[in-house]
């Protein structure tokens, strides 16, 4: 019972640190970061034209394009925006904010998943330390502040690692 409580406290601590490190600078330099502009413009073009081909394929950014396009379509539906491409041309701030909020959500999720993976192979205190070190890493924090694909890849790698650890622990040899 005490072990379960310490894991819950660990998850809360890691989530709190990740939220604090990724929260500032939401509006800073909107539309000025090269890669962020590329991700947002490709996703807005996909929604605006209805063409699901991003015309750019590479690492997890293609997946990010589809996720952002879905979020933009959701935003367009509820904000009654008729043309995302004209919104991107006239006032792209909402599109950048949606991308940045998604990136921060993924960064916080990555920190929590890092704690989960680390807690499978070491004590809870050390797992908390690992996840907090990830959350305060300057590169991690910098990339969490922009609509980029880096944290999406981190999340997918941590998720696959957690699944593999669970498979090995449960001796599920025929799982794959």
N, C-alpha and C. Protein backbone atom coordinates (compact mmCIF):
# COMPACT_ATOMS: atom_id res chain seq x y z
N UNK A 1 0.82 -1.19 0.00
CA UNK A 1 0.00 0.00 0.00
C UNK A 1 0.88 1.27 0.00
N UNK A 2 1.93 1.26 0.79
CA UNK A 2 2.85 2.39 0.86
C UNK A 2 3.56 2.57 -0.48
N UNK A 3 3.85 1.46 -1.16
CA UNK A 3 4.51 1.52 -2.47
C UNK A 3 3.62 2.21 -3.49
N UNK A 4 2.32 1.91 -3.46
CA UNK A 4 1.39 2.52 -4.40
C UNK A 4 1.30 4.02 -4.15
N UNK A 5 1.28 4.41 -2.89
CA UNK A 5 1.20 5.83 -2.56
C UNK A 5 2.46 6.56 -3.01
N UNK A 6 3.62 5.92 -2.82
CA UNK A 6 4.86 6.60 -3.24
C UNK A 6 4.91 6.77 -4.76
N UNK A 7 4.35 5.82 -5.52
CA UNK A 7 4.29 5.97 -6.98
C UNK A 7 3.34 7.10 -7.38
N UNK A 8 2.24 7.25 -6.67
CA UNK A 8 1.31 8.33 -6.96
C UNK A 8 1.95 9.68 -6.66
N UNK A 9 2.67 9.76 -5.55
CA UNK A 9 3.38 10.99 -5.20
C UNK A 9 4.45 11.28 -6.24
N UNK A 10 5.14 10.24 -6.69
CA UNK A 10 6.15 10.41 -7.73
C UNK A 10 5.56 10.93 -9.02
N UNK A 11 4.43 10.37 -9.45
CA UNK A 11 3.77 10.84 -10.67
C UNK A 11 3.37 12.32 -10.53
N UNK A 12 2.82 12.65 -9.36
CA UNK A 12 2.40 14.03 -9.13
C UNK A 12 3.60 14.98 -9.15
N UNK A 13 4.69 14.61 -8.49
CA UNK A 13 5.88 15.47 -8.44
C UNK A 13 6.46 15.67 -9.84
N UNK A 14 6.56 14.60 -10.59
CA UNK A 14 7.11 14.68 -11.95
C UNK A 14 6.21 15.53 -12.83
N UNK A 15 4.92 15.35 -12.74
CA UNK A 15 3.97 16.13 -13.52
C UNK A 15 4.06 17.61 -13.15
N UNK A 16 4.18 17.91 -11.87
CA UNK A 16 4.28 19.29 -11.42
C UNK A 16 5.55 19.97 -11.95
N UNK A 17 6.68 19.27 -11.85
CA UNK A 17 7.94 19.84 -12.36
C UNK A 17 7.86 20.05 -13.87
N UNK A 18 7.32 19.08 -14.59
CA UNK A 18 7.21 19.21 -16.04
C UNK A 18 6.28 20.36 -16.42
N UNK A 19 5.20 20.54 -15.69
CA UNK A 19 4.29 21.66 -15.97
C UNK A 19 4.97 23.00 -15.71
N UNK A 20 5.74 23.08 -14.64
CA UNK A 20 6.43 24.33 -14.30
C UNK A 20 7.48 24.67 -15.36
N UNK A 21 8.24 23.69 -15.80
CA UNK A 21 9.31 23.98 -16.76
C UNK A 21 8.78 24.26 -18.16
N UNK A 22 7.62 23.72 -18.50
CA UNK A 22 7.11 23.93 -19.86
C UNK A 22 6.09 25.06 -19.94
N UNK A 23 5.71 25.65 -18.82
CA UNK A 23 4.63 26.65 -18.85
C UNK A 23 5.03 28.03 -19.34
N UNK A 24 6.22 28.57 -19.07
CA UNK A 24 6.47 29.96 -19.50
C UNK A 24 6.68 30.07 -21.01
N UNK A 25 6.46 31.28 -21.52
CA UNK A 25 6.79 31.58 -22.91
C UNK A 25 5.81 31.08 -23.93
N UNK A 26 4.55 30.97 -23.58
CA UNK A 26 3.57 30.44 -24.53
C UNK A 26 3.41 31.35 -25.75
N UNK A 27 3.47 32.65 -25.56
CA UNK A 27 3.27 33.60 -26.65
C UNK A 27 4.58 34.14 -27.21
N UNK A 28 5.69 33.69 -26.69
CA UNK A 28 6.99 34.25 -27.07
C UNK A 28 7.38 33.84 -28.49
N UNK A 29 7.63 34.81 -29.34
CA UNK A 29 8.15 34.55 -30.69
C UNK A 29 7.23 33.74 -31.57
N UNK A 30 5.92 33.98 -31.51
CA UNK A 30 5.00 33.23 -32.36
C UNK A 30 5.34 33.44 -33.83
N UNK A 31 5.54 32.35 -34.53
CA UNK A 31 5.80 32.41 -35.95
C UNK A 31 7.22 32.79 -36.34
N UNK A 32 8.14 32.79 -35.38
CA UNK A 32 9.51 33.18 -35.68
C UNK A 32 10.48 32.01 -35.72
N UNK A 33 10.09 30.87 -35.23
CA UNK A 33 10.96 29.70 -35.16
C UNK A 33 10.75 28.88 -36.44
N UNK A 34 11.82 28.62 -37.18
CA UNK A 34 11.74 28.00 -38.49
C UNK A 34 10.99 26.69 -38.55
N UNK A 35 11.38 25.74 -37.73
CA UNK A 35 10.74 24.43 -37.81
C UNK A 35 9.29 24.50 -37.36
N UNK A 36 9.01 25.32 -36.38
CA UNK A 36 7.64 25.48 -35.90
C UNK A 36 6.75 26.04 -37.01
N UNK A 37 7.25 27.00 -37.73
CA UNK A 37 6.50 27.58 -38.85
C UNK A 37 6.20 26.52 -39.90
N UNK A 38 7.17 25.68 -40.17
CA UNK A 38 6.98 24.61 -41.16
C UNK A 38 5.89 23.65 -40.72
N UNK A 39 5.94 23.20 -39.47
CA UNK A 39 4.94 22.24 -38.97
C UNK A 39 3.54 22.84 -39.01
N UNK A 40 3.41 24.06 -38.54
CA UNK A 40 2.09 24.69 -38.48
C UNK A 40 1.56 24.99 -39.89
N UNK A 41 2.41 25.47 -40.78
CA UNK A 41 1.94 25.81 -42.13
C UNK A 41 1.53 24.56 -42.91
N UNK A 42 2.29 23.50 -42.79
CA UNK A 42 1.93 22.26 -43.49
C UNK A 42 0.60 21.72 -42.97
N UNK A 43 0.42 21.74 -41.65
CA UNK A 43 -0.82 21.24 -41.06
C UNK A 43 -2.01 22.11 -41.45
N UNK A 44 -1.81 23.43 -41.45
CA UNK A 44 -2.89 24.34 -41.86
C UNK A 44 -3.24 24.14 -43.33
N UNK A 45 -2.23 23.89 -44.16
CA UNK A 45 -2.47 23.65 -45.59
C UNK A 45 -3.26 22.36 -45.77
N UNK A 46 -2.95 21.34 -44.99
CA UNK A 46 -3.68 20.08 -45.10
C UNK A 46 -5.15 20.28 -44.78
N UNK A 47 -5.44 21.05 -43.74
CA UNK A 47 -6.84 21.30 -43.38
C UNK A 47 -7.50 22.21 -44.40
N UNK A 48 -6.79 23.24 -44.83
CA UNK A 48 -7.37 24.21 -45.76
C UNK A 48 -7.69 23.63 -47.12
N UNK A 49 -6.85 22.75 -47.61
CA UNK A 49 -7.06 22.19 -48.95
C UNK A 49 -7.82 20.87 -48.92
N UNK A 50 -7.80 20.19 -47.80
CA UNK A 50 -8.41 18.86 -47.73
C UNK A 50 -7.50 17.78 -48.27
N UNK A 51 -6.31 18.15 -48.71
CA UNK A 51 -5.33 17.20 -49.23
C UNK A 51 -4.51 16.67 -48.07
N UNK A 52 -4.60 15.39 -47.80
CA UNK A 52 -3.91 14.79 -46.65
C UNK A 52 -2.45 14.47 -46.91
N UNK A 53 -1.95 14.83 -48.07
CA UNK A 53 -0.54 14.63 -48.36
C UNK A 53 0.23 15.86 -47.87
N UNK A 54 1.11 15.67 -46.85
CA UNK A 54 1.84 16.84 -46.35
C UNK A 54 2.97 17.29 -47.27
N UNK A 55 3.30 16.49 -48.28
CA UNK A 55 4.39 16.79 -49.21
C UNK A 55 5.72 16.95 -48.50
N UNK A 56 5.83 16.39 -47.34
CA UNK A 56 7.08 16.36 -46.58
C UNK A 56 6.97 15.19 -45.63
N UNK A 57 7.89 14.26 -45.74
CA UNK A 57 7.86 13.08 -44.90
C UNK A 57 9.20 12.93 -44.20
N UNK A 58 9.17 12.71 -42.92
CA UNK A 58 10.40 12.52 -42.18
C UNK A 58 10.13 12.35 -40.71
N UNK A 59 10.96 11.61 -40.07
CA UNK A 59 10.86 11.19 -38.66
C UNK A 59 9.45 11.36 -38.12
N UNK A 60 9.23 11.70 -36.86
CA UNK A 60 7.83 11.71 -36.41
C UNK A 60 7.08 12.99 -36.80
N UNK A 61 7.70 13.88 -37.56
CA UNK A 61 7.02 15.12 -37.92
C UNK A 61 5.81 14.86 -38.80
N UNK A 62 5.82 13.82 -39.59
CA UNK A 62 4.66 13.51 -40.42
C UNK A 62 3.46 13.18 -39.54
N UNK A 63 3.70 12.41 -38.49
CA UNK A 63 2.63 12.11 -37.53
C UNK A 63 2.16 13.40 -36.86
N UNK A 64 3.08 14.29 -36.53
CA UNK A 64 2.70 15.57 -35.93
C UNK A 64 1.84 16.39 -36.88
N UNK A 65 2.14 16.35 -38.17
CA UNK A 65 1.32 17.08 -39.14
C UNK A 65 -0.12 16.59 -39.11
N UNK A 66 -0.30 15.28 -39.07
CA UNK A 66 -1.66 14.74 -39.05
C UNK A 66 -2.38 15.07 -37.75
N UNK A 67 -1.67 15.01 -36.64
CA UNK A 67 -2.29 15.35 -35.34
C UNK A 67 -2.67 16.82 -35.30
N UNK A 68 -1.74 17.70 -35.72
CA UNK A 68 -2.06 19.12 -35.74
C UNK A 68 -3.19 19.43 -36.71
N UNK A 69 -3.21 18.77 -37.85
CA UNK A 69 -4.29 18.99 -38.81
C UNK A 69 -5.64 18.60 -38.18
N UNK A 70 -5.66 17.51 -37.44
CA UNK A 70 -6.90 17.10 -36.76
C UNK A 70 -7.30 18.13 -35.70
N UNK A 71 -6.33 18.62 -34.95
CA UNK A 71 -6.62 19.64 -33.94
C UNK A 71 -7.10 20.94 -34.59
N UNK A 72 -6.51 21.30 -35.72
CA UNK A 72 -6.94 22.51 -36.42
C UNK A 72 -8.36 22.35 -36.98
N UNK A 73 -8.65 21.17 -37.48
CA UNK A 73 -10.00 20.91 -37.98
C UNK A 73 -11.01 21.01 -36.84
N UNK A 74 -10.65 20.45 -35.70
CA UNK A 74 -11.49 20.54 -34.51
C UNK A 74 -11.69 22.01 -34.11
N UNK A 75 -10.61 22.78 -34.10
CA UNK A 75 -10.67 24.21 -33.78
C UNK A 75 -11.54 24.96 -34.79
N UNK A 76 -11.39 24.66 -36.07
CA UNK A 76 -12.16 25.33 -37.11
C UNK A 76 -13.65 25.04 -36.95
N UNK A 77 -13.97 23.82 -36.57
CA UNK A 77 -15.37 23.45 -36.41
C UNK A 77 -16.02 24.23 -35.27
N UNK A 78 -15.34 24.29 -34.13
CA UNK A 78 -15.94 24.94 -32.96
C UNK A 78 -15.79 26.46 -32.97
N UNK A 79 -14.84 27.00 -33.70
CA UNK A 79 -14.70 28.46 -33.77
C UNK A 79 -15.39 29.03 -35.00
N UNK A 80 -15.99 28.15 -35.79
CA UNK A 80 -16.69 28.52 -37.01
C UNK A 80 -15.79 29.28 -37.98
N UNK A 81 -14.52 28.87 -38.02
CA UNK A 81 -13.58 29.41 -38.99
C UNK A 81 -13.77 28.67 -40.30
N UNK A 82 -14.02 29.42 -41.35
CA UNK A 82 -14.30 28.78 -42.63
C UNK A 82 -13.06 28.31 -43.35
N UNK A 83 -11.99 29.09 -43.28
CA UNK A 83 -10.79 28.74 -44.03
C UNK A 83 -9.56 28.88 -43.14
N UNK A 84 -8.96 27.77 -42.81
CA UNK A 84 -7.77 27.76 -41.96
C UNK A 84 -6.61 28.45 -42.67
N UNK A 85 -6.53 28.31 -43.99
CA UNK A 85 -5.43 28.95 -44.71
C UNK A 85 -5.49 30.47 -44.61
N UNK A 86 -6.68 31.04 -44.66
CA UNK A 86 -6.78 32.50 -44.51
C UNK A 86 -6.50 32.89 -43.06
N UNK A 87 -6.89 32.08 -42.11
CA UNK A 87 -6.56 32.35 -40.72
C UNK A 87 -5.04 32.32 -40.53
N UNK A 88 -4.38 31.35 -41.18
CA UNK A 88 -2.92 31.28 -41.08
C UNK A 88 -2.27 32.52 -41.69
N UNK A 89 -2.85 33.05 -42.75
CA UNK A 89 -2.30 34.24 -43.40
C UNK A 89 -2.57 35.51 -42.59
N UNK A 90 -3.78 35.64 -42.06
CA UNK A 90 -4.18 36.88 -41.38
C UNK A 90 -3.77 36.92 -39.91
N UNK A 91 -4.05 35.85 -39.19
CA UNK A 91 -3.73 35.82 -37.75
C UNK A 91 -3.40 34.38 -37.35
N UNK A 92 -2.15 33.96 -37.53
CA UNK A 92 -1.80 32.56 -37.25
C UNK A 92 -1.61 32.24 -35.77
N UNK A 93 -1.73 33.22 -34.89
CA UNK A 93 -1.46 32.99 -33.46
C UNK A 93 -2.25 31.82 -32.87
N UNK A 94 -3.57 31.67 -33.14
CA UNK A 94 -4.27 30.52 -32.57
C UNK A 94 -3.70 29.18 -33.01
N UNK A 95 -3.25 29.11 -34.25
CA UNK A 95 -2.69 27.85 -34.76
C UNK A 95 -1.37 27.52 -34.07
N UNK A 96 -0.53 28.53 -33.88
CA UNK A 96 0.72 28.31 -33.16
C UNK A 96 0.46 27.93 -31.71
N UNK A 97 -0.53 28.56 -31.09
CA UNK A 97 -0.86 28.24 -29.70
C UNK A 97 -1.35 26.81 -29.55
N UNK A 98 -2.17 26.37 -30.48
CA UNK A 98 -2.65 24.98 -30.44
C UNK A 98 -1.47 24.02 -30.55
N UNK A 99 -0.55 24.30 -31.48
CA UNK A 99 0.63 23.45 -31.63
C UNK A 99 1.51 23.45 -30.39
N UNK A 100 1.70 24.62 -29.79
CA UNK A 100 2.53 24.71 -28.59
C UNK A 100 1.88 24.02 -27.40
N UNK A 101 0.58 24.17 -27.25
CA UNK A 101 -0.09 23.48 -26.14
C UNK A 101 -0.01 21.96 -26.31
N UNK A 102 -0.17 21.51 -27.55
CA UNK A 102 -0.04 20.06 -27.80
C UNK A 102 1.38 19.59 -27.48
N UNK A 103 2.38 20.36 -27.89
CA UNK A 103 3.77 19.99 -27.62
C UNK A 103 4.03 19.93 -26.12
N UNK A 104 3.47 20.84 -25.38
CA UNK A 104 3.66 20.84 -23.92
C UNK A 104 2.94 19.66 -23.27
N UNK A 105 1.77 19.34 -23.77
CA UNK A 105 1.05 18.17 -23.25
C UNK A 105 1.87 16.90 -23.48
N UNK A 106 2.45 16.77 -24.65
CA UNK A 106 3.29 15.61 -24.96
C UNK A 106 4.55 15.60 -24.09
N UNK A 107 5.13 16.78 -23.83
CA UNK A 107 6.33 16.85 -22.98
C UNK A 107 6.02 16.41 -21.56
N UNK A 108 4.90 16.86 -21.02
CA UNK A 108 4.51 16.45 -19.66
C UNK A 108 4.23 14.95 -19.64
N UNK A 109 3.56 14.45 -20.66
CA UNK A 109 3.30 13.01 -20.76
C UNK A 109 4.60 12.21 -20.85
N UNK A 110 5.57 12.75 -21.57
CA UNK A 110 6.88 12.08 -21.69
C UNK A 110 7.57 12.01 -20.34
N UNK A 111 7.48 13.06 -19.55
CA UNK A 111 8.09 13.05 -18.23
C UNK A 111 7.45 12.00 -17.33
N UNK A 112 6.13 11.93 -17.37
CA UNK A 112 5.42 10.93 -16.56
C UNK A 112 5.77 9.52 -17.04
N UNK A 113 5.83 9.34 -18.34
CA UNK A 113 6.18 8.02 -18.88
C UNK A 113 7.62 7.65 -18.57
N UNK A 114 8.51 8.65 -18.53
CA UNK A 114 9.89 8.41 -18.12
C UNK A 114 9.92 7.89 -16.68
N UNK A 115 9.11 8.47 -15.82
CA UNK A 115 9.01 7.99 -14.44
C UNK A 115 8.51 6.55 -14.42
N UNK A 116 7.51 6.24 -15.22
CA UNK A 116 6.96 4.88 -15.24
C UNK A 116 8.00 3.87 -15.70
N UNK A 117 8.74 4.21 -16.74
CA UNK A 117 9.78 3.29 -17.23
C UNK A 117 10.87 3.12 -16.18
N UNK A 118 11.33 4.22 -15.60
CA UNK A 118 12.40 4.16 -14.60
C UNK A 118 11.95 3.42 -13.35
N UNK A 119 10.69 3.56 -12.97
CA UNK A 119 10.22 2.88 -11.76
C UNK A 119 10.12 1.37 -11.94
N UNK A 120 10.13 0.92 -13.20
CA UNK A 120 10.12 -0.53 -13.45
C UNK A 120 11.49 -1.16 -13.18
N UNK A 121 12.55 -0.36 -13.29
CA UNK A 121 13.89 -0.93 -13.17
C UNK A 121 14.68 -0.41 -11.97
N UNK A 122 14.12 0.56 -11.23
CA UNK A 122 14.83 1.09 -10.06
C UNK A 122 13.83 1.57 -9.02
N UNK A 123 14.35 1.98 -7.88
CA UNK A 123 13.48 2.45 -6.80
C UNK A 123 12.75 3.72 -7.20
N UNK A 124 11.65 3.96 -6.51
CA UNK A 124 10.80 5.10 -6.84
C UNK A 124 11.53 6.42 -6.70
N UNK A 125 12.36 6.56 -5.67
CA UNK A 125 13.11 7.82 -5.48
C UNK A 125 14.00 8.11 -6.68
N UNK A 126 14.68 7.08 -7.15
CA UNK A 126 15.57 7.26 -8.31
C UNK A 126 14.77 7.52 -9.58
N UNK A 127 13.63 6.88 -9.69
CA UNK A 127 12.77 7.11 -10.86
C UNK A 127 12.27 8.55 -10.89
N UNK A 128 11.92 9.08 -9.72
CA UNK A 128 11.52 10.49 -9.64
C UNK A 128 12.67 11.38 -10.09
N UNK A 129 13.87 11.07 -9.61
CA UNK A 129 15.04 11.84 -10.00
C UNK A 129 15.29 11.80 -11.49
N UNK A 130 15.15 10.63 -12.10
CA UNK A 130 15.35 10.50 -13.56
C UNK A 130 14.36 11.36 -14.32
N UNK A 131 13.11 11.28 -13.94
CA UNK A 131 12.07 12.03 -14.66
C UNK A 131 12.22 13.53 -14.44
N UNK A 132 12.62 13.93 -13.25
CA UNK A 132 12.82 15.37 -13.00
C UNK A 132 14.03 15.87 -13.78
N UNK A 133 15.09 15.06 -13.85
CA UNK A 133 16.24 15.45 -14.66
C UNK A 133 15.85 15.62 -16.13
N UNK A 134 14.99 14.76 -16.62
CA UNK A 134 14.50 14.92 -17.99
C UNK A 134 13.71 16.23 -18.12
N UNK A 135 12.88 16.51 -17.13
CA UNK A 135 12.01 17.69 -17.19
C UNK A 135 12.77 19.01 -17.10
N UNK A 136 13.95 19.01 -16.48
CA UNK A 136 14.70 20.27 -16.36
C UNK A 136 15.85 20.35 -17.36
N UNK A 137 15.99 19.34 -18.19
CA UNK A 137 17.02 19.36 -19.23
C UNK A 137 16.74 20.54 -20.17
N UNK A 138 17.73 21.41 -20.38
CA UNK A 138 17.48 22.60 -21.20
C UNK A 138 16.96 22.31 -22.62
N UNK A 139 17.46 21.28 -23.26
CA UNK A 139 17.00 20.95 -24.60
C UNK A 139 15.55 20.47 -24.57
N UNK A 140 15.22 19.68 -23.56
CA UNK A 140 13.85 19.20 -23.38
C UNK A 140 12.89 20.37 -23.19
N UNK A 141 13.29 21.31 -22.35
CA UNK A 141 12.45 22.48 -22.06
C UNK A 141 12.32 23.35 -23.31
N UNK A 142 13.41 23.59 -24.01
CA UNK A 142 13.38 24.44 -25.20
C UNK A 142 12.46 23.86 -26.26
N UNK A 143 12.56 22.57 -26.51
CA UNK A 143 11.73 21.95 -27.54
C UNK A 143 10.27 21.84 -27.12
N UNK A 144 10.00 21.82 -25.81
CA UNK A 144 8.62 21.78 -25.34
C UNK A 144 7.91 23.10 -25.56
N UNK A 145 8.68 24.15 -25.76
CA UNK A 145 8.08 25.47 -25.93
C UNK A 145 7.69 25.76 -27.37
N UNK A 146 7.91 24.86 -28.28
CA UNK A 146 7.60 25.08 -29.69
C UNK A 146 6.80 23.89 -30.24
N UNK A 147 6.07 24.13 -31.28
CA UNK A 147 5.32 23.05 -31.94
C UNK A 147 6.29 22.25 -32.79
N UNK A 148 6.92 21.29 -32.16
CA UNK A 148 7.93 20.47 -32.82
C UNK A 148 7.62 18.99 -32.60
N UNK A 149 8.31 18.15 -33.31
CA UNK A 149 8.04 16.72 -33.26
C UNK A 149 8.93 15.97 -32.27
N UNK A 150 9.87 16.64 -31.64
CA UNK A 150 10.85 15.95 -30.81
C UNK A 150 10.23 15.20 -29.63
N UNK A 151 9.28 15.81 -28.96
CA UNK A 151 8.68 15.15 -27.81
C UNK A 151 7.74 14.03 -28.20
N UNK A 152 7.18 14.13 -29.37
CA UNK A 152 6.34 13.05 -29.86
C UNK A 152 7.18 11.78 -30.04
N UNK A 153 8.37 11.93 -30.59
CA UNK A 153 9.28 10.80 -30.73
C UNK A 153 9.70 10.26 -29.36
N UNK A 154 10.00 11.15 -28.44
CA UNK A 154 10.37 10.74 -27.08
C UNK A 154 9.24 9.95 -26.44
N UNK A 155 8.01 10.44 -26.59
CA UNK A 155 6.86 9.74 -26.02
C UNK A 155 6.70 8.35 -26.63
N UNK A 156 6.83 8.26 -27.94
CA UNK A 156 6.67 6.95 -28.61
C UNK A 156 7.77 5.98 -28.20
N UNK A 157 9.00 6.46 -28.06
CA UNK A 157 10.10 5.59 -27.62
C UNK A 157 9.90 5.12 -26.18
N UNK A 158 9.47 6.01 -25.30
CA UNK A 158 9.23 5.63 -23.91
C UNK A 158 8.06 4.65 -23.81
N UNK A 159 7.03 4.88 -24.61
CA UNK A 159 5.89 3.97 -24.60
C UNK A 159 6.28 2.57 -25.07
N UNK A 160 7.07 2.50 -26.14
CA UNK A 160 7.50 1.18 -26.63
C UNK A 160 8.44 0.51 -25.62
N UNK A 161 9.28 1.29 -24.95
CA UNK A 161 10.15 0.71 -23.92
C UNK A 161 9.34 0.16 -22.76
N UNK A 162 8.32 0.89 -22.34
CA UNK A 162 7.46 0.42 -21.25
C UNK A 162 6.73 -0.85 -21.64
N UNK A 163 6.25 -0.91 -22.88
CA UNK A 163 5.58 -2.12 -23.35
C UNK A 163 6.53 -3.31 -23.39
N UNK A 164 7.76 -3.08 -23.85
CA UNK A 164 8.74 -4.18 -23.89
C UNK A 164 9.11 -4.65 -22.49
N UNK A 165 9.25 -3.75 -21.55
CA UNK A 165 9.55 -4.16 -20.17
C UNK A 165 8.41 -4.98 -19.61
N UNK A 166 7.17 -4.58 -19.86
CA UNK A 166 6.02 -5.34 -19.38
C UNK A 166 5.94 -6.72 -20.02
N UNK A 167 6.27 -6.80 -21.29
CA UNK A 167 6.27 -8.10 -21.97
C UNK A 167 7.33 -9.01 -21.36
N UNK A 168 8.52 -8.48 -21.15
CA UNK A 168 9.60 -9.29 -20.56
C UNK A 168 9.29 -9.71 -19.13
N UNK A 169 8.69 -8.83 -18.36
CA UNK A 169 8.35 -9.14 -16.97
C UNK A 169 7.27 -10.21 -16.87
N UNK A 170 6.35 -10.23 -17.82
CA UNK A 170 5.24 -11.18 -17.78
C UNK A 170 5.51 -12.43 -18.61
N UNK A 171 6.71 -12.56 -19.15
CA UNK A 171 7.11 -13.71 -19.96
C UNK A 171 6.11 -13.98 -21.09
N UNK A 172 5.73 -12.95 -21.81
CA UNK A 172 4.79 -13.08 -22.92
C UNK A 172 5.59 -13.25 -24.21
N UNK A 173 6.17 -14.42 -24.39
CA UNK A 173 7.06 -14.65 -25.54
C UNK A 173 6.31 -14.64 -26.86
N UNK A 174 5.08 -15.08 -26.87
CA UNK A 174 4.32 -15.12 -28.11
C UNK A 174 3.49 -13.86 -28.34
N UNK A 175 3.75 -12.82 -27.58
CA UNK A 175 2.94 -11.60 -27.66
C UNK A 175 3.02 -10.97 -29.05
N UNK A 176 4.20 -10.89 -29.62
CA UNK A 176 4.36 -10.23 -30.92
C UNK A 176 3.80 -11.09 -32.01
